[in-house]
């Protein structure tokens, strides 16, 4: 499994607009092999920004790399930008290979 994260430092008075962009965008992630799950996370508020992170799980690093080379990726990123700036600097990417996973056995039983 592979986890891809982008950290965004969103200007405080633009945080609601930033969230609306994500709530209203059409996702095509489900069209890609290996896509598992996406989360948009809101973190700490600092003096000049609010920290956000996008968190995407993939079956493998190869699945993620295929996403970054796909038409769906180009289309989703073509709609970014324009208008008043929302973030301080560029998003910071972090990618992680999952080396251990410990599921909660109680959750698996509850799903049955």
N, C-alpha and C. Protein backbone atom coordinates (compact mmCIF):
# COMPACT_ATOMS: atom_id res chain seq x y z
N UNK A 1 0.85 -1.17 0.00
CA UNK A 1 0.00 0.00 0.00
C UNK A 1 0.90 1.24 0.00
N UNK A 2 0.39 2.32 -0.58
CA UNK A 2 1.12 3.58 -0.67
C UNK A 2 0.20 4.72 -0.26
N UNK A 3 0.73 5.65 0.53
CA UNK A 3 -0.03 6.81 0.97
C UNK A 3 0.63 8.06 0.42
N UNK A 4 -0.16 8.88 -0.25
CA UNK A 4 0.32 10.14 -0.81
C UNK A 4 -0.37 11.28 -0.09
N UNK A 5 0.44 12.25 0.38
CA UNK A 5 -0.12 13.37 1.12
C UNK A 5 0.44 14.68 0.56
N UNK A 6 -0.42 15.68 0.52
CA UNK A 6 0.00 17.05 0.21
C UNK A 6 -0.42 17.94 1.37
N UNK A 7 0.52 18.75 1.85
CA UNK A 7 0.24 19.69 2.93
C UNK A 7 0.05 21.08 2.33
N UNK A 8 -1.02 21.75 2.75
CA UNK A 8 -1.35 23.08 2.26
C UNK A 8 -1.40 24.05 3.43
N UNK A 9 -0.72 25.17 3.31
CA UNK A 9 -0.81 26.25 4.29
C UNK A 9 -1.79 27.27 3.71
N UNK A 10 -3.02 27.21 4.18
CA UNK A 10 -4.10 28.02 3.61
C UNK A 10 -4.23 29.32 4.41
N UNK A 11 -4.24 30.42 3.70
CA UNK A 11 -4.42 31.74 4.32
C UNK A 11 -5.71 31.72 5.13
N UNK A 12 -5.61 32.17 6.38
CA UNK A 12 -6.73 32.03 7.32
C UNK A 12 -8.07 32.51 6.77
N UNK A 13 -8.11 33.69 6.19
CA UNK A 13 -9.40 34.20 5.72
C UNK A 13 -9.85 33.59 4.40
N UNK A 14 -9.08 32.64 3.86
CA UNK A 14 -9.45 31.93 2.63
C UNK A 14 -9.79 30.46 2.90
N UNK A 15 -9.77 30.06 4.16
CA UNK A 15 -9.98 28.64 4.52
C UNK A 15 -11.35 28.12 4.05
N UNK A 16 -12.40 28.90 4.26
CA UNK A 16 -13.73 28.43 3.82
C UNK A 16 -13.78 28.27 2.30
N UNK A 17 -13.21 29.20 1.58
CA UNK A 17 -13.19 29.11 0.11
C UNK A 17 -12.38 27.89 -0.33
N UNK A 18 -11.26 27.64 0.34
CA UNK A 18 -10.43 26.46 0.03
C UNK A 18 -11.24 25.19 0.22
N UNK A 19 -11.95 25.09 1.35
CA UNK A 19 -12.77 23.90 1.60
C UNK A 19 -13.85 23.75 0.55
N UNK A 20 -14.48 24.83 0.14
CA UNK A 20 -15.54 24.75 -0.87
C UNK A 20 -15.01 24.24 -2.20
N UNK A 21 -13.79 24.64 -2.55
CA UNK A 21 -13.18 24.12 -3.79
C UNK A 21 -13.13 22.60 -3.73
N UNK A 22 -12.71 22.05 -2.60
CA UNK A 22 -12.60 20.59 -2.47
C UNK A 22 -13.97 19.93 -2.40
N UNK A 23 -14.91 20.53 -1.67
CA UNK A 23 -16.25 19.94 -1.56
C UNK A 23 -16.97 19.91 -2.91
N UNK A 24 -16.69 20.88 -3.76
CA UNK A 24 -17.42 21.01 -5.02
C UNK A 24 -16.71 20.41 -6.23
N UNK A 25 -15.49 19.91 -6.06
CA UNK A 25 -14.78 19.38 -7.22
C UNK A 25 -15.23 17.95 -7.50
N UNK A 26 -15.23 17.61 -8.77
CA UNK A 26 -15.60 16.26 -9.20
C UNK A 26 -14.36 15.39 -9.13
N UNK A 27 -14.45 14.32 -8.38
CA UNK A 27 -13.31 13.41 -8.26
C UNK A 27 -13.44 12.28 -9.28
N UNK A 28 -12.31 11.97 -9.91
CA UNK A 28 -12.24 10.83 -10.83
C UNK A 28 -11.26 9.78 -10.32
N UNK A 29 -10.85 9.92 -9.06
CA UNK A 29 -9.88 8.97 -8.49
C UNK A 29 -10.35 7.53 -8.61
N UNK A 30 -11.65 7.31 -8.44
CA UNK A 30 -12.21 5.96 -8.50
C UNK A 30 -12.02 5.30 -9.87
N UNK A 31 -11.69 6.08 -10.87
CA UNK A 31 -11.49 5.53 -12.21
C UNK A 31 -10.11 4.88 -12.37
N UNK A 32 -9.21 5.09 -11.42
CA UNK A 32 -7.84 4.61 -11.52
C UNK A 32 -7.65 3.30 -10.77
N UNK A 33 -6.89 2.39 -11.37
CA UNK A 33 -6.56 1.13 -10.70
C UNK A 33 -5.79 1.41 -9.42
N UNK A 34 -6.14 0.71 -8.38
CA UNK A 34 -5.41 0.80 -7.13
C UNK A 34 -5.85 1.89 -6.19
N UNK A 35 -6.77 2.77 -6.60
CA UNK A 35 -7.25 3.81 -5.69
C UNK A 35 -8.06 3.17 -4.58
N UNK A 36 -7.76 3.53 -3.34
CA UNK A 36 -8.48 2.98 -2.18
C UNK A 36 -9.36 4.04 -1.53
N UNK A 37 -8.75 5.19 -1.17
CA UNK A 37 -9.51 6.15 -0.38
C UNK A 37 -8.83 7.51 -0.40
N UNK A 38 -9.65 8.57 -0.27
CA UNK A 38 -9.17 9.94 -0.20
C UNK A 38 -9.74 10.60 1.05
N UNK A 39 -8.92 11.40 1.71
CA UNK A 39 -9.37 12.22 2.84
C UNK A 39 -8.78 13.62 2.67
N UNK A 40 -9.57 14.65 2.99
CA UNK A 40 -9.03 16.01 3.13
C UNK A 40 -9.08 16.30 4.62
N UNK A 41 -7.93 16.66 5.17
CA UNK A 41 -7.77 16.85 6.60
C UNK A 41 -7.55 18.33 6.92
N UNK A 42 -8.19 18.80 7.99
CA UNK A 42 -7.95 20.16 8.48
C UNK A 42 -7.16 20.03 9.78
N UNK A 43 -6.08 20.79 9.87
CA UNK A 43 -5.21 20.71 11.03
C UNK A 43 -5.22 21.98 11.86
N UNK A 44 -4.06 22.26 12.42
CA UNK A 44 -3.91 23.40 13.34
C UNK A 44 -4.07 24.73 12.63
N UNK A 45 -4.55 25.68 13.40
CA UNK A 45 -4.61 27.05 12.95
C UNK A 45 -3.41 27.78 13.53
N UNK A 46 -2.67 28.44 12.68
CA UNK A 46 -1.51 29.24 13.09
C UNK A 46 -1.87 30.72 12.93
N UNK A 47 -0.91 31.59 13.22
CA UNK A 47 -1.16 33.03 13.14
C UNK A 47 -1.60 33.46 11.75
N UNK A 48 -0.97 32.90 10.70
CA UNK A 48 -1.25 33.36 9.34
C UNK A 48 -1.88 32.32 8.42
N UNK A 49 -2.08 31.10 8.90
CA UNK A 49 -2.64 30.06 8.03
C UNK A 49 -3.30 28.93 8.83
N UNK A 50 -4.05 28.11 8.09
CA UNK A 50 -4.62 26.88 8.61
C UNK A 50 -3.98 25.75 7.82
N UNK A 51 -3.52 24.72 8.52
CA UNK A 51 -2.87 23.60 7.86
C UNK A 51 -3.92 22.60 7.38
N UNK A 52 -3.83 22.21 6.12
CA UNK A 52 -4.67 21.17 5.54
C UNK A 52 -3.75 20.12 4.93
N UNK A 53 -4.27 18.90 4.81
CA UNK A 53 -3.52 17.86 4.12
C UNK A 53 -4.48 16.96 3.37
N UNK A 54 -4.15 16.69 2.11
CA UNK A 54 -4.90 15.67 1.38
C UNK A 54 -4.17 14.34 1.60
N UNK A 55 -4.94 13.29 1.80
CA UNK A 55 -4.42 11.98 2.15
C UNK A 55 -5.08 10.96 1.22
N UNK A 56 -4.28 10.31 0.40
CA UNK A 56 -4.82 9.35 -0.56
C UNK A 56 -4.13 8.01 -0.39
N UNK A 57 -4.92 6.95 -0.30
CA UNK A 57 -4.38 5.59 -0.21
C UNK A 57 -4.48 4.91 -1.56
N UNK A 58 -3.39 4.25 -1.92
CA UNK A 58 -3.29 3.51 -3.18
C UNK A 58 -2.83 2.09 -2.89
N UNK A 59 -3.14 1.18 -3.78
CA UNK A 59 -2.71 -0.20 -3.63
C UNK A 59 -1.20 -0.34 -3.69
N UNK A 60 -0.54 0.53 -4.46
CA UNK A 60 0.91 0.47 -4.59
C UNK A 60 1.43 1.83 -5.05
N UNK A 61 2.73 2.01 -4.94
CA UNK A 61 3.35 3.23 -5.45
C UNK A 61 3.17 3.33 -6.97
N UNK A 62 3.21 2.19 -7.65
CA UNK A 62 3.00 2.18 -9.10
C UNK A 62 1.60 2.69 -9.46
N UNK A 63 0.58 2.33 -8.65
CA UNK A 63 -0.77 2.84 -8.89
C UNK A 63 -0.80 4.35 -8.75
N UNK A 64 -0.14 4.87 -7.72
CA UNK A 64 -0.08 6.32 -7.52
C UNK A 64 0.64 7.00 -8.69
N UNK A 65 1.77 6.44 -9.10
CA UNK A 65 2.54 7.02 -10.20
C UNK A 65 1.69 7.04 -11.47
N UNK A 66 0.93 5.98 -11.71
CA UNK A 66 0.05 5.95 -12.88
C UNK A 66 -0.98 7.08 -12.81
N UNK A 67 -1.51 7.35 -11.62
CA UNK A 67 -2.46 8.46 -11.43
C UNK A 67 -1.80 9.78 -11.83
N UNK A 68 -0.55 10.01 -11.42
CA UNK A 68 0.11 11.29 -11.71
C UNK A 68 0.40 11.46 -13.20
N UNK A 69 0.33 10.39 -13.96
CA UNK A 69 0.57 10.44 -15.40
C UNK A 69 -0.72 10.32 -16.22
N UNK A 70 -1.84 10.30 -15.52
CA UNK A 70 -3.12 10.05 -16.19
C UNK A 70 -3.79 11.32 -16.69
N UNK A 71 -4.72 11.13 -17.61
CA UNK A 71 -5.54 12.23 -18.09
C UNK A 71 -6.40 12.78 -16.96
N UNK A 72 -6.88 11.92 -16.06
CA UNK A 72 -7.68 12.36 -14.92
C UNK A 72 -6.89 13.32 -14.03
N UNK A 73 -5.61 13.03 -13.83
CA UNK A 73 -4.74 13.89 -13.03
C UNK A 73 -4.60 15.26 -13.70
N UNK A 74 -4.31 15.26 -15.00
CA UNK A 74 -4.15 16.52 -15.72
C UNK A 74 -5.44 17.35 -15.68
N UNK A 75 -6.57 16.70 -15.85
CA UNK A 75 -7.85 17.41 -15.83
C UNK A 75 -8.13 17.99 -14.44
N UNK A 76 -7.87 17.24 -13.39
CA UNK A 76 -8.18 17.74 -12.04
C UNK A 76 -7.25 18.88 -11.64
N UNK A 77 -6.02 18.86 -12.11
CA UNK A 77 -5.08 19.92 -11.75
C UNK A 77 -5.17 21.12 -12.68
N UNK A 78 -5.81 20.97 -13.81
CA UNK A 78 -6.00 22.10 -14.73
C UNK A 78 -6.98 23.11 -14.14
N UNK A 79 -7.83 22.66 -13.24
CA UNK A 79 -8.84 23.55 -12.66
C UNK A 79 -8.33 24.31 -11.43
N UNK A 80 -7.09 24.11 -11.04
CA UNK A 80 -6.55 24.81 -9.88
C UNK A 80 -6.03 26.17 -10.28
N UNK A 81 -5.85 27.01 -9.30
CA UNK A 81 -5.31 28.35 -9.57
C UNK A 81 -6.41 29.30 -9.99
N UNK A 82 -5.99 30.46 -10.45
CA UNK A 82 -6.94 31.48 -10.83
C UNK A 82 -7.54 32.14 -9.60
N UNK A 83 -7.98 33.35 -9.75
CA UNK A 83 -8.60 34.04 -8.63
C UNK A 83 -7.60 34.45 -7.56
N UNK A 84 -8.13 34.80 -6.42
CA UNK A 84 -7.32 35.25 -5.29
C UNK A 84 -6.53 34.09 -4.69
N UNK A 85 -5.26 34.29 -4.35
CA UNK A 85 -4.47 33.19 -3.77
C UNK A 85 -5.10 32.67 -2.48
N UNK A 86 -5.01 31.36 -2.28
CA UNK A 86 -5.54 30.73 -1.08
C UNK A 86 -4.46 30.14 -0.20
N UNK A 87 -3.31 29.84 -0.77
CA UNK A 87 -2.27 29.14 -0.02
C UNK A 87 -0.97 29.95 0.02
N UNK A 88 -0.20 29.68 1.07
CA UNK A 88 1.14 30.25 1.20
C UNK A 88 2.11 29.26 0.58
N UNK A 89 2.73 29.61 -0.51
CA UNK A 89 3.67 28.71 -1.18
C UNK A 89 2.97 27.57 -1.89
N UNK A 90 3.77 26.59 -2.28
CA UNK A 90 3.26 25.41 -2.98
C UNK A 90 2.91 24.31 -1.98
N UNK A 91 1.98 23.40 -2.34
CA UNK A 91 1.75 22.25 -1.47
C UNK A 91 3.04 21.45 -1.28
N UNK A 92 3.19 20.86 -0.12
CA UNK A 92 4.36 20.02 0.17
C UNK A 92 3.94 18.56 0.07
N UNK A 93 4.52 17.84 -0.88
CA UNK A 93 4.19 16.43 -1.10
C UNK A 93 5.00 15.53 -0.17
N UNK A 94 4.35 14.50 0.34
CA UNK A 94 5.00 13.45 1.12
C UNK A 94 4.40 12.12 0.69
N UNK A 95 5.24 11.16 0.33
CA UNK A 95 4.77 9.83 -0.08
C UNK A 95 5.34 8.77 0.85
N UNK A 96 4.52 7.79 1.19
CA UNK A 96 4.92 6.77 2.15
C UNK A 96 4.55 5.37 1.67
N UNK A 97 5.51 4.45 1.71
CA UNK A 97 5.22 3.03 1.53
C UNK A 97 4.75 2.50 2.88
N UNK A 98 3.64 1.80 2.90
CA UNK A 98 3.15 1.22 4.14
C UNK A 98 3.97 -0.04 4.42
N UNK A 99 4.66 -0.06 5.56
CA UNK A 99 5.49 -1.22 5.91
C UNK A 99 4.85 -2.08 7.00
N UNK A 100 3.84 -1.55 7.68
CA UNK A 100 3.11 -2.35 8.67
C UNK A 100 1.70 -1.80 8.78
N UNK A 101 0.75 -2.68 8.95
CA UNK A 101 -0.64 -2.31 9.12
C UNK A 101 -1.23 -3.20 10.20
N UNK A 102 -1.88 -2.60 11.18
CA UNK A 102 -2.52 -3.36 12.26
C UNK A 102 -3.98 -2.94 12.31
N UNK A 103 -4.87 -3.70 11.69
CA UNK A 103 -6.29 -3.34 11.70
C UNK A 103 -6.90 -3.62 13.07
N UNK A 104 -7.97 -2.93 13.37
CA UNK A 104 -8.72 -3.15 14.60
C UNK A 104 -9.63 -4.35 14.40
N UNK A 105 -9.38 -5.46 15.06
CA UNK A 105 -10.22 -6.66 14.84
C UNK A 105 -11.67 -6.44 15.23
N UNK A 106 -11.92 -5.55 16.17
CA UNK A 106 -13.30 -5.25 16.57
C UNK A 106 -14.10 -4.59 15.47
N UNK A 107 -13.44 -3.80 14.65
CA UNK A 107 -14.12 -3.15 13.53
C UNK A 107 -14.49 -4.15 12.45
N UNK A 108 -13.62 -5.11 12.20
CA UNK A 108 -13.90 -6.14 11.19
C UNK A 108 -15.09 -6.98 11.62
N UNK A 109 -15.16 -7.31 12.90
CA UNK A 109 -16.29 -8.11 13.41
C UNK A 109 -17.59 -7.33 13.33
N UNK A 110 -17.54 -6.04 13.60
CA UNK A 110 -18.76 -5.22 13.57
C UNK A 110 -19.32 -5.09 12.16
N UNK A 111 -18.45 -5.20 11.14
CA UNK A 111 -18.89 -5.07 9.76
C UNK A 111 -19.60 -6.32 9.27
N UNK A 112 -19.41 -7.43 9.94
CA UNK A 112 -20.02 -8.70 9.49
C UNK A 112 -21.46 -8.82 9.87
